[in-house]
N, C-alpha and C. Protein backbone atom coordinates (compact mmCIF):
# COMPACT_ATOMS: atom_id res chain seq x y z
N MET A 1 173.94 40.75 -33.65
CA MET A 1 172.91 41.60 -34.22
C MET A 1 172.96 41.51 -35.75
N ALA A 2 171.78 41.65 -36.35
CA ALA A 2 171.69 41.55 -37.80
C ALA A 2 171.67 42.92 -38.44
N ARG A 3 172.49 43.08 -39.45
CA ARG A 3 172.46 44.34 -40.21
C ARG A 3 171.27 44.30 -41.16
N VAL A 4 170.62 45.43 -41.30
CA VAL A 4 169.45 45.53 -42.17
C VAL A 4 169.91 45.68 -43.61
N GLU A 5 169.35 44.85 -44.47
CA GLU A 5 169.66 44.92 -45.90
C GLU A 5 168.38 45.15 -46.67
N GLN A 6 168.52 45.65 -47.88
CA GLN A 6 167.36 45.88 -48.74
C GLN A 6 166.63 44.56 -48.98
N ASN A 7 165.30 44.56 -48.79
CA ASN A 7 164.46 43.37 -49.01
C ASN A 7 164.97 42.16 -48.23
N SER A 8 165.29 42.36 -46.97
CA SER A 8 165.79 41.26 -46.16
C SER A 8 164.68 40.26 -45.84
N MET A 9 165.07 39.10 -45.37
CA MET A 9 164.13 38.01 -45.06
C MET A 9 163.26 38.39 -43.86
N PRO A 10 162.01 37.91 -43.83
CA PRO A 10 161.15 38.18 -42.67
C PRO A 10 161.73 37.54 -41.40
N ILE A 11 161.62 38.27 -40.29
CA ILE A 11 162.05 37.76 -38.98
C ILE A 11 160.99 38.13 -37.96
N SER A 12 161.15 37.67 -36.73
CA SER A 12 160.15 37.99 -35.71
C SER A 12 160.19 39.48 -35.39
N LEU A 13 159.05 40.02 -35.01
CA LEU A 13 158.96 41.44 -34.70
C LEU A 13 159.86 41.79 -33.53
N HIS A 14 159.87 40.97 -32.50
CA HIS A 14 160.71 41.24 -31.33
C HIS A 14 162.18 41.32 -31.73
N TYR A 15 162.62 40.37 -32.51
CA TYR A 15 164.02 40.35 -32.95
C TYR A 15 164.33 41.58 -33.80
N ALA A 16 163.42 41.94 -34.69
CA ALA A 16 163.64 43.10 -35.56
C ALA A 16 163.73 44.39 -34.75
N LEU A 17 162.88 44.52 -33.73
CA LEU A 17 162.88 45.75 -32.93
C LEU A 17 164.07 45.84 -31.99
N THR A 18 164.60 44.72 -31.54
CA THR A 18 165.67 44.76 -30.54
C THR A 18 167.06 44.56 -31.11
N ASP A 19 167.17 43.90 -32.26
CA ASP A 19 168.50 43.52 -32.74
C ASP A 19 168.86 44.06 -34.12
N SER A 20 168.09 44.96 -34.69
CA SER A 20 168.42 45.49 -36.02
C SER A 20 169.54 46.53 -35.93
N GLN A 21 170.45 46.46 -36.90
CA GLN A 21 171.57 47.39 -36.95
C GLN A 21 171.54 48.20 -38.24
N CYS A 22 172.11 49.39 -38.17
CA CYS A 22 172.25 50.25 -39.35
C CYS A 22 173.14 49.53 -40.37
N SER A 23 172.75 49.60 -41.64
CA SER A 23 173.54 48.93 -42.69
C SER A 23 174.81 49.70 -43.03
N VAL A 24 174.94 50.94 -42.58
CA VAL A 24 176.13 51.75 -42.87
C VAL A 24 177.17 51.60 -41.75
N CYS A 25 176.77 51.91 -40.51
CA CYS A 25 177.74 51.95 -39.41
C CYS A 25 177.63 50.79 -38.44
N GLY A 26 176.54 50.04 -38.48
CA GLY A 26 176.35 48.91 -37.57
C GLY A 26 175.74 49.30 -36.24
N GLY A 27 175.35 50.57 -36.08
CA GLY A 27 174.72 51.00 -34.83
C GLY A 27 173.31 50.44 -34.69
N GLN A 28 172.89 50.24 -33.43
CA GLN A 28 171.57 49.69 -33.18
C GLN A 28 170.50 50.71 -33.55
N LEU A 29 169.45 50.25 -34.22
CA LEU A 29 168.36 51.13 -34.64
C LEU A 29 167.35 51.30 -33.51
N GLU A 30 166.82 52.50 -33.37
CA GLU A 30 165.76 52.79 -32.41
C GLU A 30 164.48 53.03 -33.20
N TRP A 31 163.44 52.28 -32.86
CA TRP A 31 162.21 52.27 -33.65
C TRP A 31 161.11 53.08 -32.99
N GLN A 32 160.29 53.74 -33.83
CA GLN A 32 159.09 54.43 -33.38
C GLN A 32 157.89 53.82 -34.11
N ALA A 33 156.82 53.58 -33.35
CA ALA A 33 155.60 53.03 -33.95
C ALA A 33 154.93 54.08 -34.82
N ASP A 34 154.47 53.66 -35.98
CA ASP A 34 153.73 54.54 -36.90
C ASP A 34 152.45 53.80 -37.29
N PHE A 35 151.40 53.99 -36.49
CA PHE A 35 150.13 53.32 -36.73
C PHE A 35 149.08 54.27 -37.28
N ASP A 36 149.52 55.34 -37.95
CA ASP A 36 148.58 56.31 -38.51
C ASP A 36 147.67 55.67 -39.55
N ASN A 37 148.20 54.76 -40.34
CA ASN A 37 147.40 54.04 -41.33
C ASN A 37 147.18 52.63 -40.79
N ILE A 38 145.99 52.37 -40.26
CA ILE A 38 145.72 51.08 -39.62
C ILE A 38 145.81 49.92 -40.61
N ASN A 39 145.67 50.20 -41.90
CA ASN A 39 145.78 49.15 -42.91
C ASN A 39 147.23 48.78 -43.21
N GLN A 40 148.17 49.64 -42.86
CA GLN A 40 149.59 49.36 -43.08
C GLN A 40 150.40 49.83 -41.87
N PRO A 41 150.20 49.20 -40.70
CA PRO A 41 150.97 49.62 -39.53
C PRO A 41 152.45 49.29 -39.71
N LYS A 42 153.31 50.14 -39.14
CA LYS A 42 154.75 49.92 -39.31
C LYS A 42 155.52 50.58 -38.18
N TYR A 43 156.77 50.21 -38.08
CA TYR A 43 157.73 50.88 -37.21
C TYR A 43 158.75 51.55 -38.12
N ILE A 44 159.20 52.75 -37.76
CA ILE A 44 160.16 53.45 -38.59
C ILE A 44 161.38 53.85 -37.77
N SER A 45 162.52 53.97 -38.46
CA SER A 45 163.76 54.38 -37.82
C SER A 45 164.61 55.14 -38.84
N GLN A 46 165.45 56.02 -38.35
CA GLN A 46 166.39 56.76 -39.21
C GLN A 46 167.77 56.67 -38.58
N HIS A 47 168.77 56.40 -39.42
CA HIS A 47 170.15 56.31 -38.94
C HIS A 47 171.08 56.50 -40.13
N CYS A 48 172.15 57.24 -39.93
CA CYS A 48 173.16 57.49 -40.98
C CYS A 48 172.51 57.97 -42.28
N ASN A 49 171.57 58.88 -42.15
CA ASN A 49 170.89 59.47 -43.31
C ASN A 49 170.12 58.44 -44.14
N GLN A 50 169.72 57.34 -43.52
CA GLN A 50 168.89 56.33 -44.19
C GLN A 50 167.63 56.11 -43.37
N GLU A 51 166.56 55.77 -44.05
CA GLU A 51 165.29 55.48 -43.40
C GLU A 51 165.03 53.98 -43.45
N TYR A 52 164.53 53.44 -42.35
CA TYR A 52 164.22 52.02 -42.26
C TYR A 52 162.75 51.88 -41.86
N ALA A 53 162.13 50.79 -42.28
CA ALA A 53 160.74 50.54 -41.92
C ALA A 53 160.53 49.05 -41.69
N ILE A 54 159.76 48.73 -40.66
CA ILE A 54 159.29 47.36 -40.41
C ILE A 54 157.80 47.39 -40.67
N HIS A 55 157.35 46.66 -41.68
CA HIS A 55 155.93 46.59 -42.02
C HIS A 55 155.33 45.37 -41.33
N ILE A 56 154.21 45.57 -40.68
CA ILE A 56 153.53 44.48 -39.97
C ILE A 56 152.44 43.95 -40.89
N ASP A 57 152.69 42.80 -41.51
CA ASP A 57 151.75 42.24 -42.48
C ASP A 57 150.83 41.19 -41.88
N THR A 58 151.35 40.36 -41.00
CA THR A 58 150.53 39.31 -40.43
C THR A 58 150.66 39.33 -38.91
N VAL A 59 149.61 38.90 -38.25
CA VAL A 59 149.62 38.79 -36.80
C VAL A 59 148.99 37.46 -36.42
N LYS A 60 149.21 37.06 -35.20
CA LYS A 60 148.62 35.82 -34.70
C LYS A 60 147.68 36.19 -33.56
N VAL A 61 146.42 35.80 -33.68
CA VAL A 61 145.43 36.03 -32.63
C VAL A 61 145.13 34.67 -32.02
N GLU A 62 145.20 34.60 -30.69
CA GLU A 62 144.96 33.33 -30.04
C GLU A 62 144.13 33.51 -28.78
N VAL A 63 143.43 32.45 -28.40
CA VAL A 63 142.68 32.45 -27.15
C VAL A 63 143.68 32.15 -26.04
N VAL A 64 143.71 33.02 -25.04
CA VAL A 64 144.69 32.83 -23.96
C VAL A 64 144.05 32.30 -22.69
N GLY A 65 142.75 32.23 -22.64
CA GLY A 65 142.07 31.69 -21.46
C GLY A 65 140.61 32.11 -21.47
N LYS A 66 139.89 31.58 -20.51
CA LYS A 66 138.48 31.92 -20.39
C LYS A 66 138.34 33.23 -19.63
N ALA A 67 137.27 33.94 -19.92
CA ALA A 67 137.00 35.19 -19.23
C ALA A 67 136.62 34.91 -17.78
N SER A 68 136.94 35.81 -16.89
CA SER A 68 136.58 35.65 -15.49
C SER A 68 135.07 35.81 -15.35
N LYS A 69 134.53 35.33 -14.24
CA LYS A 69 133.08 35.40 -14.02
C LYS A 69 132.60 36.85 -13.98
N ASP A 70 133.39 37.75 -13.41
CA ASP A 70 133.01 39.16 -13.37
C ASP A 70 132.87 39.72 -14.77
N LYS A 71 133.81 39.39 -15.63
CA LYS A 71 133.79 39.90 -16.99
C LYS A 71 132.61 39.31 -17.76
N GLN A 72 132.33 38.01 -17.55
CA GLN A 72 131.21 37.38 -18.23
C GLN A 72 129.90 38.02 -17.80
N GLY A 73 129.75 38.29 -16.50
CA GLY A 73 128.55 38.94 -15.98
C GLY A 73 128.35 40.31 -16.58
N TYR A 74 129.44 41.05 -16.71
CA TYR A 74 129.37 42.39 -17.30
C TYR A 74 128.92 42.30 -18.75
N GLU A 75 129.46 41.34 -19.51
CA GLU A 75 129.08 41.19 -20.91
C GLU A 75 127.61 40.82 -21.03
N GLN A 76 127.11 39.94 -20.13
CA GLN A 76 125.71 39.55 -20.18
C GLN A 76 124.81 40.74 -19.84
N GLU A 77 125.20 41.52 -18.83
CA GLU A 77 124.43 42.72 -18.49
C GLU A 77 124.38 43.69 -19.66
N LYS A 78 125.52 43.86 -20.30
CA LYS A 78 125.60 44.78 -21.43
C LYS A 78 124.65 44.32 -22.54
N ASN A 79 124.58 42.99 -22.77
CA ASN A 79 123.70 42.47 -23.81
C ASN A 79 122.23 42.67 -23.44
N LEU A 80 121.90 42.54 -22.17
CA LEU A 80 120.51 42.74 -21.76
C LEU A 80 120.09 44.19 -21.89
N ILE A 81 121.02 45.09 -21.68
CA ILE A 81 120.70 46.52 -21.75
C ILE A 81 120.60 47.00 -23.19
N SER A 82 121.27 46.31 -24.10
CA SER A 82 121.27 46.78 -25.49
C SER A 82 119.84 46.87 -26.01
N THR A 83 119.60 47.81 -26.86
CA THR A 83 118.24 48.05 -27.32
C THR A 83 118.07 47.70 -28.78
N LYS A 84 116.85 47.33 -29.10
CA LYS A 84 116.47 47.09 -30.49
C LYS A 84 115.18 47.87 -30.69
N GLU A 85 115.21 48.81 -31.57
CA GLU A 85 114.08 49.70 -31.83
C GLU A 85 113.68 50.45 -30.55
N GLY A 86 114.68 50.83 -29.74
CA GLY A 86 114.43 51.64 -28.55
C GLY A 86 113.90 50.87 -27.36
N GLU A 87 113.76 49.56 -27.44
CA GLU A 87 113.21 48.77 -26.35
C GLU A 87 114.31 47.90 -25.75
N PRO A 88 114.49 47.92 -24.43
CA PRO A 88 115.53 47.08 -23.82
C PRO A 88 115.32 45.61 -24.14
N LYS A 89 116.41 44.91 -24.31
CA LYS A 89 116.35 43.49 -24.67
C LYS A 89 115.64 42.67 -23.60
N ALA A 90 115.78 43.05 -22.34
CA ALA A 90 115.12 42.32 -21.26
C ALA A 90 113.60 42.37 -21.43
N LEU A 91 113.08 43.53 -21.83
CA LEU A 91 111.63 43.65 -22.06
C LEU A 91 111.20 42.80 -23.24
N GLN A 92 112.00 42.79 -24.28
CA GLN A 92 111.68 41.96 -25.45
C GLN A 92 111.62 40.49 -25.05
N MET A 93 112.58 40.05 -24.24
CA MET A 93 112.60 38.65 -23.81
C MET A 93 111.39 38.34 -22.94
N ALA A 94 111.03 39.24 -22.03
CA ALA A 94 109.87 39.02 -21.15
C ALA A 94 108.59 38.92 -21.96
N GLU A 95 108.43 39.80 -22.94
CA GLU A 95 107.23 39.76 -23.77
C GLU A 95 107.18 38.48 -24.60
N ALA A 96 108.31 38.01 -25.10
CA ALA A 96 108.35 36.77 -25.87
C ALA A 96 107.95 35.59 -24.99
N MET A 97 108.44 35.57 -23.76
CA MET A 97 108.08 34.48 -22.83
C MET A 97 106.59 34.53 -22.51
N LYS A 98 106.06 35.73 -22.33
CA LYS A 98 104.64 35.89 -22.03
C LYS A 98 103.79 35.35 -23.18
N ARG A 99 104.19 35.66 -24.41
CA ARG A 99 103.46 35.16 -25.58
C ARG A 99 103.52 33.63 -25.65
N GLN A 100 104.69 33.06 -25.33
CA GLN A 100 104.83 31.60 -25.37
C GLN A 100 103.92 30.95 -24.34
N GLN A 101 103.80 31.56 -23.16
CA GLN A 101 102.94 30.99 -22.12
C GLN A 101 101.47 31.12 -22.49
N GLN A 102 101.11 32.17 -23.19
CA GLN A 102 99.72 32.39 -23.57
C GLN A 102 99.29 31.48 -24.71
N GLN A 103 100.21 31.07 -25.57
CA GLN A 103 99.86 30.22 -26.71
C GLN A 103 99.28 28.88 -26.27
N PRO A 104 99.86 28.15 -25.32
CA PRO A 104 99.24 26.89 -24.91
C PRO A 104 97.86 27.10 -24.27
N GLU A 105 97.68 28.19 -23.53
CA GLU A 105 96.39 28.47 -22.91
C GLU A 105 95.32 28.70 -23.98
N ASN A 106 95.68 29.43 -25.02
CA ASN A 106 94.72 29.71 -26.10
C ASN A 106 94.36 28.45 -26.85
N SER A 107 95.32 27.54 -27.05
CA SER A 107 95.03 26.31 -27.79
C SER A 107 94.18 25.36 -26.95
N GLU A 108 94.27 25.40 -25.61
CA GLU A 108 93.46 24.55 -24.74
C GLU A 108 92.01 25.02 -24.72
N LYS A 109 91.77 26.32 -24.87
CA LYS A 109 90.43 26.87 -24.82
C LYS A 109 89.64 26.55 -26.08
N LYS A 110 90.32 26.24 -27.16
CA LYS A 110 89.63 25.98 -28.43
C LYS A 110 88.95 24.67 -28.47
């Protein structure tokens, strides 16, 4: 286990949460999440009359797979239901298609 020192080197979050030791007695630190300030999330711990903090500065976001068909269908339904100026998107799309079909008919009559 690694003892915590002032301005120590960055390490993985998992390692910091599971293997950090008090710099005074060497006891394992127990961490509590403190996400009150979303701009500076951190974990905090207290031991031997000292306060410790793990600041989360960077994260990795990755694609882990494709969405299931059920989830994709739900997202598409949600998009169709969404409104613009109080009108359902499905109605807007239907009216746009109707206008497109009427345009060739109007140009043929001329």
